[in-house]
Amino acid sequence: MFSIIQAAGWPIWFLLLASVIAVALIIERAVALRRAKIVPAGLLQTVAAELKRGTMNDEALRRLEAHSPLGRVFAAGLRNSRHSREIMKEAIEEAGRGVAHELERFLTSLGTIASISPLMGLFGTIVGMIEIFGSATGGGNNPQALAHGISVALYNTGFGLIIAIPAMIFYRHFRALVDSFIVEMELQAVKLVELAHGERS
């Protein structure tokens, strides 16, 4: 493996760096975007029970806010539950935008790596080709040496695709996951507004 990296030339080091960053981002997002951590099951029922008992005080709101991203959205709405339905919904929407931004963290970077990795690989291949054809002894009289040099240059393109394909798969997966979380939080927040204003039992 190390001999391939050496043979591929200096452009492959940028691809190696991109691959390390991509793996780190994938692991971080896989850990951060767990359903039980973002939209815990039964949280709406717990909040509804506390509302009925009348125990939703400032301390309970602080605990709810620290509980999860969904809890943060709920807490923002409940702090404004004494106001009109519209004001409560606005508070929820503001908190929801902040939560959505946090859930999408690093996804742009992962998508960028997925997009530019093939281009970086192609750049490495072009650099390799220039070195092959530009050298005085670049296999001009030896077809075998020329073929070997071209295969070495193509390592960069292959490595770029190896990075780009999994990165794009995980980017699409995480985007879909974040979108599903946002929709689920919106639906639960609407139910909370209705519960707080006595429109749902």
Protein backbone atom coordinates (compact mmCIF):
# COMPACT_ATOMS: atom_id res chain seq x y z
CA MET A 1 0.00 0.00 0.00
CA PHE A 2 2.77 2.44 0.94
CA SER A 3 4.56 1.64 -2.33
CA ILE A 4 1.40 2.62 -4.25
CA ILE A 5 1.20 5.92 -2.32
CA GLN A 6 4.86 6.61 -3.11
CA ALA A 7 4.37 5.70 -6.77
CA ALA A 8 1.29 7.93 -7.11
CA GLY A 9 3.32 11.05 -6.35
CA TRP A 10 2.83 14.09 -4.15
CA PRO A 11 -0.81 14.88 -5.19
CA ILE A 12 -2.04 11.75 -3.41
CA TRP A 13 -1.15 13.26 -0.02
CA PHE A 14 -4.01 15.74 -0.44
CA LEU A 15 -6.33 12.82 -1.12
CA LEU A 16 -5.08 11.00 1.97
CA LEU A 17 -5.80 14.10 4.06
CA ALA A 18 -9.28 14.36 2.53
CA SER A 19 -9.93 10.68 3.32
CA VAL A 20 -8.91 11.11 6.98
CA ILE A 21 -11.17 14.16 7.33
CA ALA A 22 -14.06 12.35 5.62
CA VAL A 23 -13.77 9.33 7.94
CA ALA A 24 -13.63 11.62 11.01
CA LEU A 25 -16.74 13.53 9.86
CA ILE A 26 -18.65 10.33 9.12
CA ILE A 27 -17.87 8.89 12.56
CA GLU A 28 -18.74 12.18 14.31
CA ARG A 29 -22.07 12.56 12.49
CA ALA A 30 -22.96 8.86 12.98
CA VAL A 31 -22.51 9.31 16.74
CA ALA A 32 -24.24 12.73 16.90
CA LEU A 33 -27.24 11.91 14.69
CA ARG A 34 -28.74 9.08 16.69
CA ARG A 35 -32.54 9.09 16.85
CA ALA A 36 -32.61 8.41 20.61
CA LYS A 37 -30.38 11.44 21.14
CA ILE A 38 -32.19 13.89 18.79
CA VAL A 39 -35.88 12.95 19.10
CA PRO A 40 -36.18 10.72 22.19
CA ALA A 41 -39.24 8.49 22.24
CA GLY A 42 -41.92 9.46 24.76
CA LEU A 43 -40.65 12.99 25.39
CA LEU A 44 -43.89 14.62 24.21
CA GLN A 45 -45.93 12.37 26.50
CA THR A 46 -43.67 13.22 29.45
CA VAL A 47 -44.00 16.96 28.78
CA ALA A 48 -47.79 16.62 28.36
CA ALA A 49 -48.03 14.83 31.71
CA GLU A 50 -46.02 17.58 33.43
CA LEU A 51 -48.24 20.23 31.85
CA LYS A 52 -51.34 18.49 33.17
CA ARG A 53 -49.83 18.24 36.66
CA GLY A 54 -48.75 21.88 36.49
CA THR A 55 -45.14 21.03 37.40
CA MET A 56 -43.54 22.67 34.35
CA ASN A 57 -41.53 25.31 36.23
CA ASP A 58 -38.24 27.05 35.33
CA GLU A 59 -36.17 24.16 36.68
CA ALA A 60 -38.15 21.63 34.62
CA LEU A 61 -37.71 23.83 31.52
CA ARG A 62 -33.94 23.96 32.07
CA ARG A 63 -33.83 20.16 32.36
CA LEU A 64 -35.94 19.82 29.24
CA GLU A 65 -33.68 22.22 27.31
CA ALA A 66 -30.57 20.25 28.26
CA HIS A 67 -32.23 16.90 27.53
CA SER A 68 -32.10 16.86 23.71
CA PRO A 69 -32.53 19.04 20.61
CA LEU A 70 -36.26 18.21 20.64
CA GLY A 71 -36.36 19.22 24.32
CA ARG A 72 -34.75 22.55 23.40
CA VAL A 73 -37.53 23.19 20.86
CA PHE A 74 -40.19 22.24 23.42
CA ALA A 75 -38.64 24.45 26.11
CA ALA A 76 -38.57 27.46 23.77
CA GLY A 77 -42.27 27.01 23.06
CA LEU A 78 -43.28 26.39 26.68
CA ARG A 79 -41.50 29.55 27.83
CA ASN A 80 -43.97 31.44 25.63
CA SER A 81 -47.01 29.25 26.30
CA ARG A 82 -48.77 32.04 28.21
CA HIS A 83 -48.76 34.16 25.07
CA SER A 84 -50.81 33.60 21.94
CA ARG A 85 -50.51 30.51 19.77
CA GLU A 86 -48.67 32.55 17.08
CA ILE A 87 -46.00 33.81 19.49
CA MET A 88 -45.47 30.28 20.84
CA LYS A 89 -45.10 28.94 17.30
CA GLU A 90 -42.62 31.71 16.43
CA ALA A 91 -40.49 30.81 19.47
CA ILE A 92 -40.55 27.15 18.42
CA GLU A 93 -39.60 28.03 14.85
CA GLU A 94 -36.65 30.16 16.02
CA ALA A 95 -35.38 27.36 18.26
CA GLY A 96 -36.00 24.86 15.46
CA ARG A 97 -33.84 26.84 13.03
CA GLY A 98 -30.99 26.80 15.54
CA VAL A 99 -31.39 23.06 16.11
CA ALA A 100 -31.54 22.36 12.36
CA HIS A 101 -28.34 24.34 11.82
CA GLU A 102 -26.64 22.30 14.54
CA LEU A 103 -27.83 18.99 13.06
CA GLU A 104 -26.45 19.99 9.64
CA ARG A 105 -23.03 20.79 11.09
CA PHE A 106 -20.13 19.33 9.06
CA LEU A 107 -22.45 17.98 6.34
CA THR A 108 -21.36 20.73 3.94
CA SER A 109 -17.73 19.75 4.54
CA LEU A 110 -18.52 16.08 3.89
CA GLY A 111 -20.41 16.96 0.70
CA THR A 112 -17.52 19.14 -0.45
CA ILE A 113 -15.04 16.29 0.04
CA ALA A 114 -17.35 13.97 -1.90
CA SER A 115 -17.53 16.50 -4.75
CA ILE A 116 -13.87 17.50 -5.03
CA SER A 117 -12.17 14.14 -4.39
CA PRO A 118 -12.56 12.96 -8.03
CA LEU A 119 -11.26 16.34 -9.22
CA MET A 120 -8.27 16.06 -6.89
CA GLY A 121 -7.65 12.56 -8.23
CA LEU A 122 -7.87 13.82 -11.79
CA PHE A 123 -5.43 16.62 -10.95
CA GLY A 124 -2.99 14.02 -9.59
CA THR A 125 -3.35 11.97 -12.74
CA ILE A 126 -2.68 15.01 -14.96
CA VAL A 127 0.40 15.89 -12.90
CA GLY A 128 1.60 12.29 -13.29
CA MET A 129 1.03 12.37 -17.04
CA ILE A 130 2.91 15.65 -17.38
CA GLU A 131 5.85 14.18 -15.46
CA ILE A 132 5.80 11.03 -17.62
CA PHE A 133 5.66 12.77 -20.99
CA GLY A 134 7.80 15.70 -19.92
CA SER A 135 10.74 13.69 -18.65
CA ALA A 136 13.68 13.12 -20.94
CA THR A 137 13.61 9.38 -20.34
CA GLY A 138 9.87 9.13 -19.85
CA GLY A 139 9.55 5.85 -21.62
CA GLY A 140 9.47 7.46 -25.03
CA ASN A 141 11.42 4.51 -26.47
CA ASN A 142 10.00 1.95 -24.05
CA PRO A 143 6.24 1.21 -24.29
CA GLN A 144 6.32 -0.92 -21.12
CA ALA A 145 7.78 1.89 -19.05
CA LEU A 146 5.25 4.32 -20.51
CA ALA A 147 2.35 1.97 -19.71
CA HIS A 148 3.64 1.53 -16.16
CA GLY A 149 3.93 5.31 -15.73
CA ILE A 150 0.36 5.83 -16.92
CA SER A 151 -0.98 3.14 -14.55
CA VAL A 152 0.83 4.82 -11.66
CA ALA A 153 -0.65 8.19 -12.63
CA LEU A 154 -4.14 6.66 -12.64
CA TYR A 155 -3.77 5.66 -8.98
CA ASN A 156 -4.78 9.21 -8.08
CA THR A 157 -8.05 9.02 -10.02
CA GLY A 158 -8.86 5.63 -8.50
CA PHE A 159 -8.09 6.83 -4.99
CA GLY A 160 -10.19 9.96 -5.54
CA LEU A 161 -13.18 7.81 -6.51
CA ILE A 162 -12.62 5.50 -3.53
CA ILE A 163 -12.94 8.55 -1.25
CA ALA A 164 -15.80 10.22 -3.13
CA ILE A 165 -18.21 7.30 -3.36
CA PRO A 166 -18.54 6.48 0.39
CA ALA A 167 -18.43 10.18 1.27
CA MET A 168 -21.34 10.91 -1.07
CA ILE A 169 -23.32 7.90 0.24
CA PHE A 170 -22.94 9.04 3.85
CA TYR A 171 -23.60 12.67 2.95
CA ARG A 172 -26.91 11.73 1.30
CA HIS A 173 -27.79 9.42 4.21
CA PHE A 174 -27.10 12.09 6.85
CA ARG A 175 -29.01 14.75 4.85
CA ALA A 176 -32.06 12.47 4.67
CA LEU A 177 -31.72 11.66 8.38
CA VAL A 178 -31.57 15.35 9.36
CA ASP A 179 -34.58 16.12 7.16
CA SER A 180 -36.59 13.33 8.81
CA PHE A 181 -35.63 14.61 12.28
CA ILE A 182 -36.70 18.15 11.40
CA VAL A 183 -40.09 16.96 10.08
CA GLU A 184 -40.63 14.82 13.18
CA MET A 185 -39.74 17.72 15.49
CA GLU A 186 -42.13 20.01 13.61
CA LEU A 187 -44.99 17.53 13.98
CA GLN A 188 -44.35 17.03 17.68
CA ALA A 189 -44.00 20.79 18.24
CA VAL A 190 -47.42 21.38 16.62
CA LYS A 191 -48.93 18.81 19.00
CA LEU A 192 -47.26 20.57 21.93
CA VAL A 193 -48.75 23.94 20.89
CA GLU A 194 -52.19 22.36 20.73
CA LEU A 195 -51.71 20.73 24.13
CA ALA A 196 -50.49 23.97 25.72
CA HIS A 197 -53.50 25.88 24.37
CA GLY A 198 -56.00 23.19 25.33
CA GLU A 199 -56.81 22.24 21.75
CA ARG A 200 -55.73 18.61 22.18
CA SER A 201 -56.19 16.27 25.07
